[in-house]
Structures are given as C-alpha cells and as structure tokens.
C-alpha atoms as a PDB file:
ATOM      1  CA  MET A   1     -18.328  -7.791   1.409  1.00  0.00           C
ATOM      2  CA  ARG A   2     -18.078  -4.015   1.325  1.00  0.00           C
ATOM      3  CA  ILE A   3     -15.354  -2.498  -0.873  1.00  0.00           C
ATOM      4  CA  VAL A   4     -14.816   0.755  -2.754  1.00  0.00           C
ATOM      5  CA  VAL A   5     -14.798   0.651  -6.574  1.00  0.00           C
ATOM      6  CA  ASN A   6     -13.648   3.773  -8.424  1.00  0.00           C
ATOM      7  CA  GLY A   7     -14.420   5.846  -5.337  1.00  0.00           C
ATOM      8  CA  VAL A   8     -17.930   4.434  -4.812  1.00  0.00           C
ATOM      9  CA  PRO A   9     -18.702   2.129  -1.851  1.00  0.00           C
ATOM     10  CA  ARG A  10     -20.170  -1.169  -3.098  1.00  0.00           C
ATOM     11  CA  GLU A  11     -21.519  -4.329  -1.519  1.00  0.00           C
ATOM     12  CA  VAL A  12     -20.326  -7.347  -3.533  1.00  0.00           C
ATOM     13  CA  VAL A  13     -20.610 -11.120  -3.331  1.00  0.00           C
ATOM     14  CA  ALA A  14     -17.440 -11.984  -5.281  1.00  0.00           C
ATOM     15  CA  THR A  15     -14.215 -12.431  -3.329  1.00  0.00           C
ATOM     16  CA  THR A  16     -11.617 -11.993  -6.100  1.00  0.00           C
ATOM     17  CA  LEU A  17     -10.730  -8.968  -8.179  1.00  0.00           C
ATOM     18  CA  ALA A  18     -11.773 -10.740 -11.398  1.00  0.00           C
ATOM     19  CA  GLY A  19     -15.056 -11.808  -9.820  1.00  0.00           C
ATOM     20  CA  VAL A  20     -15.849  -8.294  -8.603  1.00  0.00           C
ATOM     21  CA  LEU A  21     -15.108  -6.789 -12.011  1.00  0.00           C
ATOM     22  CA  GLU A  22     -17.424  -9.321 -13.658  1.00  0.00           C
ATOM     23  CA  GLU A  23     -20.111  -8.856 -10.997  1.00  0.00           C
ATOM     24  CA  ILE A  24     -20.287  -5.096 -11.492  1.00  0.00           C
ATOM     25  CA  GLY A  25     -20.024  -5.284 -15.280  1.00  0.00           C
ATOM     26  CA  ILE A  26     -16.569  -3.891 -15.962  1.00  0.00           C
ATOM     27  CA  VAL A  27     -15.469  -5.544 -19.213  1.00  0.00           C
ATOM     28  CA  GLY A  28     -13.014  -4.901 -22.035  1.00  0.00           C
ATOM     29  CA  ARG A  29      -9.506  -3.531 -21.837  1.00  0.00           C
ATOM     30  CA  PHE A  30      -8.676  -1.644 -18.666  1.00  0.00           C
ATOM     31  CA  ALA A  31      -6.008  -1.227 -16.005  1.00  0.00           C
ATOM     32  CA  THR A  32      -6.650  -2.246 -12.418  1.00  0.00           C
ATOM     33  CA  ALA A  33      -5.250  -1.336  -9.033  1.00  0.00           C
ATOM     34  CA  VAL A  34      -6.069  -2.491  -5.512  1.00  0.00           C
ATOM     35  CA  ASN A  35      -5.266  -0.175  -2.624  1.00  0.00           C
ATOM     36  CA  GLY A  36      -3.129   1.939  -4.956  1.00  0.00           C
ATOM     37  CA  ALA A  37      -1.006  -0.950  -6.269  1.00  0.00           C
ATOM     38  CA  PHE A  38      -1.187  -1.862  -9.984  1.00  0.00           C
ATOM     39  CA  VAL A  39      -2.582  -5.350 -10.659  1.00  0.00           C
ATOM     40  CA  PRO A  40      -1.805  -6.848 -14.091  1.00  0.00           C
ATOM     41  CA  ALA A  41      -4.514  -8.823 -15.892  1.00  0.00           C
ATOM     42  CA  ALA A  42      -2.786 -12.081 -14.980  1.00  0.00           C
ATOM     43  CA  GLY A  43      -3.052 -11.200 -11.277  1.00  0.00           C
ATOM     44  CA  ARG A  44      -6.786 -10.487 -11.159  1.00  0.00           C
ATOM     45  CA  GLY A  45      -7.477 -13.805  -9.446  1.00  0.00           C
ATOM     46  CA  MET A  46      -6.205 -12.202  -6.229  1.00  0.00           C
ATOM     47  CA  ALA A  47      -8.467 -12.294  -3.195  1.00  0.00           C
ATOM     48  CA  LEU A  48     -10.003  -9.065  -1.962  1.00  0.00           C
ATOM     49  CA  SER A  49     -10.706  -8.141   1.653  1.00  0.00           C
ATOM     50  CA  GLU A  50     -13.351  -6.057   3.347  1.00  0.00           C
ATOM     51  CA  GLY A  51     -12.605  -2.351   2.803  1.00  0.00           C
ATOM     52  CA  ASP A  52     -10.252  -2.761  -0.176  1.00  0.00           C
ATOM     53  CA  ALA A  53     -10.194   0.056  -2.734  1.00  0.00           C
ATOM     54  CA  VAL A  54     -10.388  -1.081  -6.365  1.00  0.00           C
ATOM     55  CA  GLU A  55      -9.718   1.169  -9.348  1.00  0.00           C
ATOM     56  CA  ALA A  56     -10.496   0.143 -12.933  1.00  0.00           C
ATOM     57  CA  LEU A  57      -9.461   2.617 -15.625  1.00  0.00           C
ATOM     58  CA  ALA A  58      -9.986   2.395 -19.368  1.00  0.00           C
ATOM     59  CA  PRO A  59      -7.017   3.448 -21.517  1.00  0.00           C
ATOM     60  CA  MET A  60      -7.388   6.833 -23.192  1.00  0.00           C
ATOM     61  CA  GLN A  61      -5.753   7.964 -26.380  1.00  0.00           C
ATOM     62  CA  GLY A  62      -4.257  11.401 -26.669  1.00  0.00           C
ATOM     63  CA  GLY A  63      -1.307  13.368 -25.618  1.00  0.00           C
END
C-alpha cells in the first residue's frame, strides 16, 4: 500500500497505523496523526487506506 509518512511517499506492507510505525522503525514516545487528525496511542490499531497521510512527531522540550 502506498501512503505518505512525514511528507515522504512510502510503500508499506502493514495495514494498521501501529504496524506501519513498527515497519518503518518509528519507536519511543511520539504523537501521531492520520490525515491531519490526532490519533492517541490507544487508537493506533486503526486501519490505514491507500493514500493516507501519517505524521509521527517526537515531543520537544523548550518554550
């Protein structure tokens, strides 16, 4: 399936958000969004579709 992860087109085998994150090696603490909508950690089992846009952002300290 072809999706966009952090602005980069990717071909992935996984069909869930959690699976895609694991497949491409995004680990640790981070925030996720799919098609601009925030997805909490508990919701990462959601299915993805062809063309979805996934964002994974690590928290940053500062102010």
